[in-house]
Amino acid sequence: MTTIPPTGNTSGTSNADANDKTKNSTLNYNDFLKLMVAQLRNQDPLNPTDSTEYMSQIAQFSSVEQGINTNAKLDQLLVNSNISQASTMIGLSLTSADGSVSGIVTSVRIDSTGSTAILNNGKEVPITQGVVLGYQ
């Protein structure tokens, strides 16, 4: 298999900026096809890559893509579950895990860090292990 060397930094950005962009970006199916075409163009004509290797690469990429799609659907299912659970907490008394904060749950905020109960006294308590919910 022929390896395509990385290109130089010609965009005028620093290497740190380029590395940050690389860490935050992901390859999609079109990017994979572009890489595969580049690999085909740059292979040794006297020693071409076996077509079964290309099919294997496509199958692996497809498998990874399906895994990513499954994770996205599971994340959405988790958010829906959190919303459903949050609606049952409204009106219940809540005491934080360390017992320092308590009050009646007036609303629940759900974000990327998890769920946070907003109490009638204005305090916010992350809903984590050890939080006690109950009736007044």
C-alpha atoms as a PDB file:
ATOM      1  CA  MET A   1       0.000   0.000   0.000  1.00  0.00           C
ATOM      2  CA  THR A   2       1.352   3.425  -0.913  1.00  0.00           C
ATOM      3  CA  THR A   3       1.495   6.038   1.814  1.00  0.00           C
ATOM      4  CA  ILE A   4       0.644   9.617   0.912  1.00  0.00           C
ATOM      5  CA  PRO A   5       2.931  12.030   2.789  1.00  0.00           C
ATOM      6  CA  PRO A   6       1.360  14.986   4.643  1.00  0.00           C
ATOM      7  CA  THR A   7       1.435  18.319   2.890  1.00  0.00           C
ATOM      8  CA  GLY A   8       3.248  21.345   4.278  1.00  0.00           C
ATOM      9  CA  ASN A   9       1.544  24.189   6.095  1.00  0.00           C
ATOM     10  CA  THR A  10       0.845  26.642   3.257  1.00  0.00           C
ATOM     11  CA  SER A  11      -2.263  28.325   4.626  1.00  0.00           C
ATOM     12  CA  GLY A  12      -0.374  30.851   6.742  1.00  0.00           C
ATOM     13  CA  THR A  13      -1.646  29.403  10.020  1.00  0.00           C
ATOM     14  CA  SER A  14       0.633  28.201  12.752  1.00  0.00           C
ATOM     15  CA  ASN A  15       1.245  24.512  13.348  1.00  0.00           C
ATOM     16  CA  ALA A  16      -0.710  24.792  16.624  1.00  0.00           C
ATOM     17  CA  ASP A  17      -3.738  26.123  14.717  1.00  0.00           C
ATOM     18  CA  ALA A  18      -3.416  23.347  12.151  1.00  0.00           C
ATOM     19  CA  ASN A  19      -3.173  20.726  14.894  1.00  0.00           C
ATOM     20  CA  ASP A  20      -6.274  22.130  16.634  1.00  0.00           C
ATOM     21  CA  LYS A  21      -8.236  21.963  13.388  1.00  0.00           C
ATOM     22  CA  THR A  22      -7.063  18.395  12.800  1.00  0.00           C
ATOM     23  CA  LYS A  23      -8.115  17.309  16.287  1.00  0.00           C
ATOM     24  CA  ASN A  24     -11.593  18.814  15.860  1.00  0.00           C
ATOM     25  CA  SER A  25     -12.258  17.556  12.344  1.00  0.00           C
ATOM     26  CA  THR A  26     -13.405  14.131  11.306  1.00  0.00           C
ATOM     27  CA  LEU A  27     -13.313  12.328   7.999  1.00  0.00           C
ATOM     28  CA  ASN A  28     -16.553  11.657   6.227  1.00  0.00           C
ATOM     29  CA  TYR A  29     -17.250   9.265   3.377  1.00  0.00           C
ATOM     30  CA  ASN A  30     -16.342  11.828   0.678  1.00  0.00           C
ATOM     31  CA  ASP A  31     -12.987  12.508   2.349  1.00  0.00           C
ATOM     32  CA  PHE A  32     -12.315   8.779   2.428  1.00  0.00           C
ATOM     33  CA  LEU A  33     -13.086   8.479  -1.282  1.00  0.00           C
ATOM     34  CA  LYS A  34     -10.749  11.397  -2.064  1.00  0.00           C
ATOM     35  CA  LEU A  35      -7.972   9.705  -0.114  1.00  0.00           C
ATOM     36  CA  MET A  36      -8.612   6.437  -1.903  1.00  0.00           C
ATOM     37  CA  VAL A  37      -8.487   8.116  -5.333  1.00  0.00           C
ATOM     38  CA  ALA A  38      -5.223   9.848  -4.355  1.00  0.00           C
ATOM     39  CA  GLN A  39      -3.868   6.486  -3.255  1.00  0.00           C
ATOM     40  CA  LEU A  40      -4.836   4.972  -6.633  1.00  0.00           C
ATOM     41  CA  ARG A  41      -3.175   7.820  -8.536  1.00  0.00           C
ATOM     42  CA  ASN A  42       0.054   7.559  -6.560  1.00  0.00           C
ATOM     43  CA  GLN A  43       0.482   3.799  -6.466  1.00  0.00           C
ATOM     44  CA  ASP A  44       3.365   2.060  -8.185  1.00  0.00           C
ATOM     45  CA  PRO A  45       2.091   0.976 -11.629  1.00  0.00           C
ATOM     46  CA  LEU A  46       4.465  -2.003 -11.619  1.00  0.00           C
ATOM     47  CA  ASN A  47       3.202  -3.162  -8.236  1.00  0.00           C
ATOM     48  CA  PRO A  48      -0.467  -2.104  -7.923  1.00  0.00           C
ATOM     49  CA  THR A  49      -2.409  -2.566  -4.732  1.00  0.00           C
ATOM     50  CA  ASP A  50      -4.714  -5.557  -4.652  1.00  0.00           C
ATOM     51  CA  SER A  51      -8.396  -4.672  -5.207  1.00  0.00           C
ATOM     52  CA  THR A  52      -9.399  -6.797  -2.231  1.00  0.00           C
ATOM     53  CA  GLU A  53      -7.404  -4.418  -0.022  1.00  0.00           C
ATOM     54  CA  TYR A  54      -9.503  -1.503  -1.295  1.00  0.00           C
ATOM     55  CA  MET A  55     -12.704  -3.406  -0.632  1.00  0.00           C
ATOM     56  CA  SER A  56     -11.450  -4.175   2.854  1.00  0.00           C
ATOM     57  CA  GLN A  57     -10.747  -0.476   3.466  1.00  0.00           C
ATOM     58  CA  ILE A  58     -14.226   0.483   2.253  1.00  0.00           C
ATOM     59  CA  ALA A  59     -15.810  -2.164   4.479  1.00  0.00           C
ATOM     60  CA  GLN A  60     -13.827  -0.952   7.490  1.00  0.00           C
ATOM     61  CA  PHE A  61     -14.771   2.649   6.836  1.00  0.00           C
ATOM     62  CA  SER A  62     -18.416   1.669   6.449  1.00  0.00           C
ATOM     63  CA  SER A  63     -18.269  -0.166   9.755  1.00  0.00           C
ATOM     64  CA  VAL A  64     -16.765   2.848  11.518  1.00  0.00           C
ATOM     65  CA  GLU A  65     -19.347   5.156   9.936  1.00  0.00           C
ATOM     66  CA  GLN A  66     -22.167   2.898  11.167  1.00  0.00           C
ATOM     67  CA  GLY A  67     -20.649   2.948  14.648  1.00  0.00           C
ATOM     68  CA  ILE A  68     -20.586   6.748  14.613  1.00  0.00           C
ATOM     69  CA  ASN A  69     -24.220   6.861  13.478  1.00  0.00           C
ATOM     70  CA  THR A  70     -25.182   4.406  16.224  1.00  0.00           C
ATOM     71  CA  ASN A  71     -23.433   6.531  18.854  1.00  0.00           C
ATOM     72  CA  ALA A  72     -25.254   9.643  17.661  1.00  0.00           C
ATOM     73  CA  LYS A  73     -28.592   7.849  17.944  1.00  0.00           C
ATOM     74  CA  LEU A  74     -27.704   6.550  21.413  1.00  0.00           C
ATOM     75  CA  ASP A  75     -26.769  10.088  22.493  1.00  0.00           C
ATOM     76  CA  GLN A  76     -30.166  11.344  21.318  1.00  0.00           C
ATOM     77  CA  LEU A  77     -31.890   8.490  23.143  1.00  0.00           C
ATOM     78  CA  LEU A  78     -30.021   9.437  26.320  1.00  0.00           C
ATOM     79  CA  VAL A  79     -31.117  13.081  25.985  1.00  0.00           C
ATOM     80  CA  ASN A  80     -34.723  11.964  25.513  1.00  0.00           C
ATOM     81  CA  SER A  81     -34.451   9.775  28.595  1.00  0.00           C
ATOM     82  CA  ASN A  82     -33.026  12.678  30.611  1.00  0.00           C
ATOM     83  CA  ILE A  83     -35.903  14.919  29.523  1.00  0.00           C
ATOM     84  CA  SER A  84     -38.421  12.262  30.522  1.00  0.00           C
ATOM     85  CA  GLN A  85     -36.787  11.825  33.931  1.00  0.00           C
ATOM     86  CA  ALA A  86     -36.493  15.577  34.438  1.00  0.00           C
ATOM     87  CA  SER A  87     -40.234  16.067  34.022  1.00  0.00           C
ATOM     88  CA  THR A  88     -40.899  13.703  36.924  1.00  0.00           C
ATOM     89  CA  MET A  89     -38.603  15.702  39.256  1.00  0.00           C
ATOM     90  CA  ILE A  90     -40.562  18.960  39.118  1.00  0.00           C
ATOM     91  CA  GLY A  91     -42.204  19.631  42.491  1.00  0.00           C
ATOM     92  CA  LEU A  92     -40.119  17.106  44.432  1.00  0.00           C
ATOM     93  CA  SER A  93     -37.802  18.046  47.258  1.00  0.00           C
ATOM     94  CA  LEU A  94     -34.126  17.593  46.485  1.00  0.00           C
ATOM     95  CA  THR A  95     -31.088  17.433  48.741  1.00  0.00           C
ATOM     96  CA  SER A  96     -27.584  17.585  47.286  1.00  0.00           C
ATOM     97  CA  ALA A  97     -25.231  14.626  47.676  1.00  0.00           C
ATOM     98  CA  ASP A  98     -23.302  16.357  50.459  1.00  0.00           C
ATOM     99  CA  GLY A  99     -26.498  17.550  52.179  1.00  0.00           C
ATOM    100  CA  SER A 100     -25.534  21.228  51.998  1.00  0.00           C
ATOM    101  CA  VAL A 101     -28.277  22.350  49.595  1.00  0.00           C
ATOM    102  CA  SER A 102     -31.954  21.460  49.594  1.00  0.00           C
ATOM    103  CA  GLY A 103     -35.183  22.817  48.168  1.00  0.00           C
ATOM    104  CA  ILE A 104     -38.067  22.125  45.827  1.00  0.00           C
ATOM    105  CA  VAL A 105     -37.241  21.450  42.170  1.00  0.00           C
ATOM    106  CA  THR A 106     -38.843  24.125  39.987  1.00  0.00           C
ATOM    107  CA  SER A 107     -37.065  23.242  36.734  1.00  0.00           C
ATOM    108  CA  VAL A 108     -34.312  21.057  35.313  1.00  0.00           C
ATOM    109  CA  ARG A 109     -31.649  22.148  32.823  1.00  0.00           C
ATOM    110  CA  ILE A 110     -30.137  19.502  30.562  1.00  0.00           C
ATOM    111  CA  ASP A 111     -26.890  20.290  28.741  1.00  0.00           C
ATOM    112  CA  SER A 112     -23.740  18.551  27.585  1.00  0.00           C
ATOM    113  CA  THR A 113     -22.479  18.187  31.167  1.00  0.00           C
ATOM    114  CA  GLY A 114     -25.646  16.469  32.398  1.00  0.00           C
ATOM    115  CA  SER A 115     -28.766  17.519  34.285  1.00  0.00           C
ATOM    116  CA  THR A 116     -28.974  20.338  36.813  1.00  0.00           C
ATOM    117  CA  ALA A 117     -31.946  20.899  39.129  1.00  0.00           C
ATOM    118  CA  ILE A 118     -32.959  24.519  39.741  1.00  0.00           C
ATOM    119  CA  LEU A 119     -34.548  24.860  43.153  1.00  0.00           C
ATOM    120  CA  ASN A 120     -37.206  27.241  44.475  1.00  0.00           C
ATOM    121  CA  ASN A 121     -34.509  29.107  46.434  1.00  0.00           C
ATOM    122  CA  GLY A 122     -32.573  29.848  43.197  1.00  0.00           C
ATOM    123  CA  LYS A 123     -29.787  27.365  43.891  1.00  0.00           C
ATOM    124  CA  GLU A 124     -28.642  24.907  41.266  1.00  0.00           C
ATOM    125  CA  VAL A 125     -27.711  21.329  42.085  1.00  0.00           C
ATOM    126  CA  PRO A 126     -26.125  18.918  39.596  1.00  0.00           C
ATOM    127  CA  ILE A 127     -28.104  15.708  39.492  1.00  0.00           C
ATOM    128  CA  THR A 128     -25.430  13.144  40.274  1.00  0.00           C
ATOM    129  CA  GLN A 129     -24.968  10.046  42.363  1.00  0.00           C
ATOM    130  CA  GLY A 130     -26.047  10.641  45.964  1.00  0.00           C
ATOM    131  CA  VAL A 131     -28.697  13.310  45.296  1.00  0.00           C
ATOM    132  CA  VAL A 132     -31.858  12.581  47.290  1.00  0.00           C
ATOM    133  CA  LEU A 133     -35.283  13.200  45.732  1.00  0.00           C
ATOM    134  CA  GLY A 134     -38.533  12.846  47.593  1.00  0.00           C
ATOM    135  CA  TYR A 135     -41.957  14.244  48.322  1.00  0.00           C
ATOM    136  CA  GLN A 136     -42.266  17.247  50.624  1.00  0.00           C
END
